[in-house]
């Protein structure tokens, strides 16, 4: 379970997530004590992997991609070509009611443009190509209101959006509510350049 804010262009990726990892069973929160970076950079293939909902599948997939000696990929297109089958196989080792969406972004090894794909458990991890959103942010979980990407004060704008996400979810009684917290991290990616920032703390972890 995670907050996700995304803006993807042909030459640029902006991605923001929180760091709280919660363990929830049938709507009952079992643990809120773990924090982790959820955006995983793979500079050797110009890619980023992240995910929402099940942390187990998300981290297992990253481990599979980075530590499998038989998996040879050169970029986002070749990573996409092997993701669907292997995610389906990986998911079979977990409970059938576990929900997870895996996102993968990267500079295409063929045309040099940013590409993005999502693999949703509800669709049996079928590969879905993401479209560019040059102006509006893509936001999960959704909130009301329109937010336009601009070059002035956008880091604080991202935090304001995620704070609204957190407030909406904290006040929800839904069984599938999203637990958001820790630190809001911001990742900016261009070809061969990555910048990951701990922007602001939500107040539920030690500030250091």
C-alpha atoms as a PDB file:
ATOM      1  CA  UNK A   1       0.000   0.000   0.000  1.00  0.00           C
ATOM      2  CA  UNK A   2       1.533   3.262  -1.103  1.00  0.00           C
ATOM      3  CA  UNK A   3       0.908   6.738  -2.391  1.00  0.00           C
ATOM      4  CA  UNK A   4       2.120   7.325  -5.932  1.00  0.00           C
ATOM      5  CA  UNK A   5       2.347  10.549  -7.946  1.00  0.00           C
ATOM      6  CA  UNK A   6       3.635  10.365 -11.500  1.00  0.00           C
ATOM      7  CA  UNK A   7       4.450  12.591 -14.444  1.00  0.00           C
ATOM      8  CA  UNK A   8       6.032  10.960 -17.520  1.00  0.00           C
ATOM      9  CA  UNK A   9       7.224  12.672 -20.688  1.00  0.00           C
ATOM     10  CA  UNK A  10       9.269  11.438 -23.631  1.00  0.00           C
ATOM     11  CA  UNK A  11      12.514  12.595 -22.026  1.00  0.00           C
ATOM     12  CA  UNK A  12      11.664  12.830 -18.327  1.00  0.00           C
ATOM     13  CA  UNK A  13      10.151  10.958 -15.404  1.00  0.00           C
ATOM     14  CA  UNK A  14       8.950  12.451 -12.128  1.00  0.00           C
ATOM     15  CA  UNK A  15       7.912   9.924  -9.521  1.00  0.00           C
ATOM     16  CA  UNK A  16       6.993  10.428  -5.868  1.00  0.00           C
ATOM     17  CA  UNK A  17       6.107   7.858  -3.190  1.00  0.00           C
ATOM     18  CA  UNK A  18       5.968   7.579   0.587  1.00  0.00           C
ATOM     19  CA  UNK A  19       8.109   5.145   2.590  1.00  0.00           C
ATOM     20  CA  UNK A  20       5.608   3.532   4.973  1.00  0.00           C
ATOM     21  CA  UNK A  21       5.248  -0.245   4.644  1.00  0.00           C
ATOM     22  CA  UNK A  22       2.175  -1.574   6.446  1.00  0.00           C
ATOM     23  CA  UNK A  23       1.001  -5.130   6.989  1.00  0.00           C
ATOM     24  CA  UNK A  24      -2.762  -5.404   6.588  1.00  0.00           C
ATOM     25  CA  UNK A  25      -4.883  -8.554   6.870  1.00  0.00           C
ATOM     26  CA  UNK A  26      -8.576  -8.318   5.957  1.00  0.00           C
ATOM     27  CA  UNK A  27      -8.655  -4.609   6.709  1.00  0.00           C
ATOM     28  CA  UNK A  28      -6.889  -4.933  10.080  1.00  0.00           C
ATOM     29  CA  UNK A  29      -3.508  -3.234  10.343  1.00  0.00           C
ATOM     30  CA  UNK A  30      -0.968  -5.628  11.836  1.00  0.00           C
ATOM     31  CA  UNK A  31       2.132  -3.424  11.724  1.00  0.00           C
ATOM     32  CA  UNK A  32       3.074   0.142  10.865  1.00  0.00           C
ATOM     33  CA  UNK A  33       6.682   0.017  12.011  1.00  0.00           C
ATOM     34  CA  UNK A  34       8.555  -0.603   8.779  1.00  0.00           C
ATOM     35  CA  UNK A  35       9.851   1.990   6.350  1.00  0.00           C
ATOM     36  CA  UNK A  36      11.528   1.438   3.000  1.00  0.00           C
ATOM     37  CA  UNK A  37      12.370   3.126  -0.273  1.00  0.00           C
ATOM     38  CA  UNK A  38       9.830   1.882  -2.812  1.00  0.00           C
ATOM     39  CA  UNK A  39      11.445   3.236  -5.986  1.00  0.00           C
ATOM     40  CA  UNK A  40      14.323   1.032  -7.127  1.00  0.00           C
ATOM     41  CA  UNK A  41      16.793   2.406  -9.655  1.00  0.00           C
ATOM     42  CA  UNK A  42      18.581   0.133 -12.129  1.00  0.00           C
ATOM     43  CA  UNK A  43      21.118   2.453 -13.800  1.00  0.00           C
ATOM     44  CA  UNK A  44      22.753  -0.343 -15.808  1.00  0.00           C
ATOM     45  CA  UNK A  45      19.573  -0.645 -17.895  1.00  0.00           C
ATOM     46  CA  UNK A  46      18.228   2.923 -17.407  1.00  0.00           C
ATOM     47  CA  UNK A  47      15.147   1.669 -15.564  1.00  0.00           C
ATOM     48  CA  UNK A  48      13.151   2.204 -12.376  1.00  0.00           C
ATOM     49  CA  UNK A  49      10.894  -0.341 -10.669  1.00  0.00           C
ATOM     50  CA  UNK A  50       8.230   0.507  -8.105  1.00  0.00           C
ATOM     51  CA  UNK A  51       4.868  -0.805  -6.988  1.00  0.00           C
ATOM     52  CA  UNK A  52       1.781  -0.292  -4.861  1.00  0.00           C
ATOM     53  CA  UNK A  53      -0.154  -2.588  -2.541  1.00  0.00           C
ATOM     54  CA  UNK A  54       1.677  -5.864  -1.721  1.00  0.00           C
ATOM     55  CA  UNK A  55       5.216  -5.093  -0.557  1.00  0.00           C
ATOM     56  CA  UNK A  56       6.184  -8.768  -0.672  1.00  0.00           C
ATOM     57  CA  UNK A  57       5.638  -9.173  -4.401  1.00  0.00           C
ATOM     58  CA  UNK A  58       7.103  -5.749  -5.141  1.00  0.00           C
ATOM     59  CA  UNK A  59      10.380  -6.414  -3.325  1.00  0.00           C
ATOM     60  CA  UNK A  60      10.540 -10.014  -4.581  1.00  0.00           C
ATOM     61  CA  UNK A  61      10.247  -8.785  -8.165  1.00  0.00           C
ATOM     62  CA  UNK A  62      13.066  -6.298  -7.714  1.00  0.00           C
ATOM     63  CA  UNK A  63      15.203  -9.053  -6.189  1.00  0.00           C
ATOM     64  CA  UNK A  64      14.378 -11.345  -9.115  1.00  0.00           C
ATOM     65  CA  UNK A  65      15.353  -8.739 -11.711  1.00  0.00           C
ATOM     66  CA  UNK A  66      18.628  -7.809 -10.033  1.00  0.00           C
ATOM     67  CA  UNK A  67      19.825 -11.228  -8.808  1.00  0.00           C
ATOM     68  CA  UNK A  68      18.691 -13.685 -11.480  1.00  0.00           C
ATOM     69  CA  UNK A  69      21.771 -14.723 -13.466  1.00  0.00           C
ATOM     70  CA  UNK A  70      19.640 -16.175 -16.261  1.00  0.00           C
ATOM     71  CA  UNK A  71      17.723 -12.944 -16.837  1.00  0.00           C
ATOM     72  CA  UNK A  72      19.447 -10.834 -19.476  1.00  0.00           C
ATOM     73  CA  UNK A  73      17.820  -7.496 -20.321  1.00  0.00           C
ATOM     74  CA  UNK A  74      19.243  -4.354 -21.911  1.00  0.00           C
ATOM     75  CA  UNK A  75      16.508  -1.794 -21.246  1.00  0.00           C
ATOM     76  CA  UNK A  76      12.852  -1.149 -20.547  1.00  0.00           C
ATOM     77  CA  UNK A  77      11.575  -2.897 -23.692  1.00  0.00           C
ATOM     78  CA  UNK A  78      13.385  -6.145 -23.013  1.00  0.00           C
ATOM     79  CA  UNK A  79      12.448  -5.925 -19.316  1.00  0.00           C
ATOM     80  CA  UNK A  80       8.807  -5.565 -20.331  1.00  0.00           C
ATOM     81  CA  UNK A  81       9.084  -8.588 -22.619  1.00  0.00           C
ATOM     82  CA  UNK A  82       9.956 -10.880 -19.695  1.00  0.00           C
ATOM     83  CA  UNK A  83       7.908  -9.218 -16.945  1.00  0.00           C
ATOM     84  CA  UNK A  84       4.435 -10.629 -17.565  1.00  0.00           C
ATOM     85  CA  UNK A  85       5.360 -14.317 -17.547  1.00  0.00           C
ATOM     86  CA  UNK A  86       7.774 -14.042 -14.628  1.00  0.00           C
ATOM     87  CA  UNK A  87       5.441 -11.907 -12.516  1.00  0.00           C
ATOM     88  CA  UNK A  88       2.664 -14.440 -13.032  1.00  0.00           C
ATOM     89  CA  UNK A  89       5.018 -17.224 -11.968  1.00  0.00           C
ATOM     90  CA  UNK A  90       6.250 -15.227  -8.961  1.00  0.00           C
ATOM     91  CA  UNK A  91       2.723 -14.352  -7.845  1.00  0.00           C
ATOM     92  CA  UNK A  92       1.767 -18.042  -7.781  1.00  0.00           C
ATOM     93  CA  UNK A  93       3.946 -18.492  -4.706  1.00  0.00           C
ATOM     94  CA  UNK A  94       1.781 -16.030  -2.759  1.00  0.00           C
ATOM     95  CA  UNK A  95      -1.800 -16.051  -1.532  1.00  0.00           C
ATOM     96  CA  UNK A  96      -4.378 -15.706  -4.287  1.00  0.00           C
ATOM     97  CA  UNK A  97      -6.007 -12.712  -2.578  1.00  0.00           C
ATOM     98  CA  UNK A  98      -2.843 -10.594  -2.554  1.00  0.00           C
ATOM     99  CA  UNK A  99      -3.220  -7.472  -4.677  1.00  0.00           C
ATOM    100  CA  UNK A 100      -0.249  -5.734  -6.285  1.00  0.00           C
ATOM    101  CA  UNK A 101       0.515  -3.368  -9.156  1.00  0.00           C
ATOM    102  CA  UNK A 102       4.090  -3.236 -10.452  1.00  0.00           C
ATOM    103  CA  UNK A 103       5.287  -0.171 -12.390  1.00  0.00           C
ATOM    104  CA  UNK A 104       8.379  -0.097 -14.589  1.00  0.00           C
ATOM    105  CA  UNK A 105       9.870   2.953 -16.290  1.00  0.00           C
ATOM    106  CA  UNK A 106      12.962   3.478 -18.377  1.00  0.00           C
ATOM    107  CA  UNK A 107      14.720   4.915 -21.372  1.00  0.00           C
ATOM    108  CA  UNK A 108      13.926   2.682 -24.349  1.00  0.00           C
ATOM    109  CA  UNK A 109      16.991   0.946 -25.724  1.00  0.00           C
ATOM    110  CA  UNK A 110      15.609   1.306 -29.274  1.00  0.00           C
ATOM    111  CA  UNK A 111      14.316   4.875 -29.652  1.00  0.00           C
ATOM    112  CA  UNK A 112      15.780   6.648 -26.597  1.00  0.00           C
ATOM    113  CA  UNK A 113      12.357   7.733 -25.278  1.00  0.00           C
ATOM    114  CA  UNK A 114      10.953   7.258 -21.782  1.00  0.00           C
ATOM    115  CA  UNK A 115       8.543   4.325 -21.563  1.00  0.00           C
ATOM    116  CA  UNK A 116       6.338   3.095 -18.756  1.00  0.00           C
ATOM    117  CA  UNK A 117       4.414  -0.103 -18.089  1.00  0.00           C
ATOM    118  CA  UNK A 118       2.129  -1.357 -15.336  1.00  0.00           C
ATOM    119  CA  UNK A 119       1.315  -4.973 -14.411  1.00  0.00           C
ATOM    120  CA  UNK A 120      -1.807  -5.368 -12.271  1.00  0.00           C
ATOM    121  CA  UNK A 121      -2.662  -8.469 -10.270  1.00  0.00           C
ATOM    122  CA  UNK A 122      -6.357  -8.001 -11.110  1.00  0.00           C
ATOM    123  CA  UNK A 123      -5.413  -8.403 -14.804  1.00  0.00           C
ATOM    124  CA  UNK A 124      -3.092 -11.361 -14.131  1.00  0.00           C
ATOM    125  CA  UNK A 125      -0.057  -9.074 -14.566  1.00  0.00           C
ATOM    126  CA  UNK A 126      -0.722  -8.417 -18.239  1.00  0.00           C
ATOM    127  CA  UNK A 127       1.602  -5.752 -19.636  1.00  0.00           C
ATOM    128  CA  UNK A 128      -0.121  -2.360 -20.022  1.00  0.00           C
ATOM    129  CA  UNK A 129       1.735   0.524 -21.666  1.00  0.00           C
ATOM    130  CA  UNK A 130       1.366   3.848 -19.861  1.00  0.00           C
ATOM    131  CA  UNK A 131       0.646   7.045 -21.768  1.00  0.00           C
ATOM    132  CA  UNK A 132       2.519  10.313 -21.354  1.00  0.00           C
ATOM    133  CA  UNK A 133       0.877  12.814 -19.003  1.00  0.00           C
ATOM    134  CA  UNK A 134       2.580  16.058 -19.970  1.00  0.00           C
ATOM    135  CA  UNK A 135       0.439  18.326 -17.770  1.00  0.00           C
ATOM    136  CA  UNK A 136      -1.648  16.566 -15.139  1.00  0.00           C
ATOM    137  CA  UNK A 137      -0.193  14.321 -12.480  1.00  0.00           C
ATOM    138  CA  UNK A 138      -1.254  10.675 -12.338  1.00  0.00           C
ATOM    139  CA  UNK A 139      -2.250  10.174  -8.696  1.00  0.00           C
ATOM    140  CA  UNK A 140      -2.896   7.009  -6.635  1.00  0.00           C
ATOM    141  CA  UNK A 141      -4.971   6.925  -4.510  1.00  0.00           C
ATOM    142  CA  UNK A 142      -7.068   9.525  -6.294  1.00  0.00           C
ATOM    143  CA  UNK A 143      -8.177  12.785  -4.714  1.00  0.00           C
ATOM    144  CA  UNK A 144     -10.512  15.492  -5.946  1.00  0.00           C
ATOM    145  CA  UNK A 145      -9.092  18.543  -7.717  1.00  0.00           C
ATOM    146  CA  UNK A 146      -6.950  19.223 -10.759  1.00  0.00           C
ATOM    147  CA  UNK A 147      -3.209  19.635 -10.407  1.00  0.00           C
ATOM    148  CA  UNK A 148      -1.068  21.013 -13.216  1.00  0.00           C
ATOM    149  CA  UNK A 149       2.649  20.301 -13.475  1.00  0.00           C
ATOM    150  CA  UNK A 150       4.734  23.468 -13.566  1.00  0.00           C
ATOM    151  CA  UNK A 151       8.287  24.533 -12.856  1.00  0.00           C
ATOM    152  CA  UNK A 152       7.614  26.719  -9.818  1.00  0.00           C
ATOM    153  CA  UNK A 153       7.470  25.190  -6.354  1.00  0.00           C
ATOM    154  CA  UNK A 154       6.510  21.789  -7.645  1.00  0.00           C
ATOM    155  CA  UNK A 155       8.177  19.848  -4.808  1.00  0.00           C
ATOM    156  CA  UNK A 156       5.899  21.477  -2.261  1.00  0.00           C
ATOM    157  CA  UNK A 157       2.951  20.979  -4.605  1.00  0.00           C
ATOM    158  CA  UNK A 158       3.727  17.258  -4.652  1.00  0.00           C
ATOM    159  CA  UNK A 159       3.858  17.184  -0.870  1.00  0.00           C
ATOM    160  CA  UNK A 160       0.536  19.017  -0.601  1.00  0.00           C
ATOM    161  CA  UNK A 161      -1.050  16.440  -2.915  1.00  0.00           C
ATOM    162  CA  UNK A 162       0.365  13.506  -0.965  1.00  0.00           C
ATOM    163  CA  UNK A 163      -0.664  15.111   2.328  1.00  0.00           C
ATOM    164  CA  UNK A 164      -4.221  15.273   0.985  1.00  0.00           C
ATOM    165  CA  UNK A 165      -3.968  11.624  -0.035  1.00  0.00           C
ATOM    166  CA  UNK A 166      -2.865  10.738   3.495  1.00  0.00           C
ATOM    167  CA  UNK A 167      -5.599  12.807   5.156  1.00  0.00           C
ATOM    168  CA  UNK A 168      -8.289  11.264   2.938  1.00  0.00           C
ATOM    169  CA  UNK A 169      -7.094   7.732   3.621  1.00  0.00           C
ATOM    170  CA  UNK A 170      -6.528   8.237   7.357  1.00  0.00           C
ATOM    171  CA  UNK A 171     -10.146   9.329   7.735  1.00  0.00           C
ATOM    172  CA  UNK A 172     -11.488   6.419   5.671  1.00  0.00           C
ATOM    173  CA  UNK A 173     -13.115   3.342   7.190  1.00  0.00           C
ATOM    174  CA  UNK A 174     -12.754   1.331   3.992  1.00  0.00           C
ATOM    175  CA  UNK A 175     -11.182  -2.116   4.265  1.00  0.00           C
ATOM    176  CA  UNK A 176      -8.860  -1.263   1.376  1.00  0.00           C
ATOM    177  CA  UNK A 177      -7.704   2.090   2.770  1.00  0.00           C
ATOM    178  CA  UNK A 178      -4.138   3.055   1.909  1.00  0.00           C
ATOM    179  CA  UNK A 179      -1.690   3.721   4.729  1.00  0.00           C
ATOM    180  CA  UNK A 180       0.629   6.615   3.827  1.00  0.00           C
ATOM    181  CA  UNK A 181       3.498   7.934   5.901  1.00  0.00           C
ATOM    182  CA  UNK A 182       7.211   8.068   6.580  1.00  0.00           C
ATOM    183  CA  UNK A 183       9.010  10.362   4.171  1.00  0.00           C
ATOM    184  CA  UNK A 184       7.851  11.622   0.789  1.00  0.00           C
ATOM    185  CA  UNK A 185      10.609  10.768  -1.679  1.00  0.00           C
ATOM    186  CA  UNK A 186      10.933  12.351  -5.121  1.00  0.00           C
ATOM    187  CA  UNK A 187      12.718  10.705  -8.033  1.00  0.00           C
ATOM    188  CA  UNK A 188      13.627  12.607 -11.189  1.00  0.00           C
ATOM    189  CA  UNK A 189      14.980  10.628 -14.113  1.00  0.00           C
ATOM    190  CA  UNK A 190      16.427  11.571 -17.478  1.00  0.00           C
ATOM    191  CA  UNK A 191      18.722   9.565 -19.695  1.00  0.00           C
ATOM    192  CA  UNK A 192      21.692   8.460 -17.558  1.00  0.00           C
ATOM    193  CA  UNK A 193      20.699  10.883 -14.766  1.00  0.00           C
ATOM    194  CA  UNK A 194      18.824  10.018 -11.550  1.00  0.00           C
ATOM    195  CA  UNK A 195      18.033  12.243  -8.590  1.00  0.00           C
ATOM    196  CA  UNK A 196      16.357  10.761  -5.491  1.00  0.00           C
ATOM    197  CA  UNK A 197      15.454  13.177  -2.690  1.00  0.00           C
ATOM    198  CA  UNK A 198      13.962  12.729   0.782  1.00  0.00           C
ATOM    199  CA  UNK A 199      11.739  15.788   0.569  1.00  0.00           C
ATOM    200  CA  UNK A 200       9.605  15.962   3.733  1.00  0.00           C
ATOM    201  CA  UNK A 201       8.694  13.851   6.723  1.00  0.00           C
ATOM    202  CA  UNK A 202       5.046  13.177   7.565  1.00  0.00           C
ATOM    203  CA  UNK A 203       5.882  13.220  11.268  1.00  0.00           C
ATOM    204  CA  UNK A 204       5.468   9.522  12.050  1.00  0.00           C
ATOM    205  CA  UNK A 205       9.203   8.690  11.946  1.00  0.00           C
ATOM    206  CA  UNK A 206      12.297  10.072  13.629  1.00  0.00           C
ATOM    207  CA  UNK A 207      13.486  13.102  11.680  1.00  0.00           C
ATOM    208  CA  UNK A 208      17.212  12.534  12.254  1.00  0.00           C
END
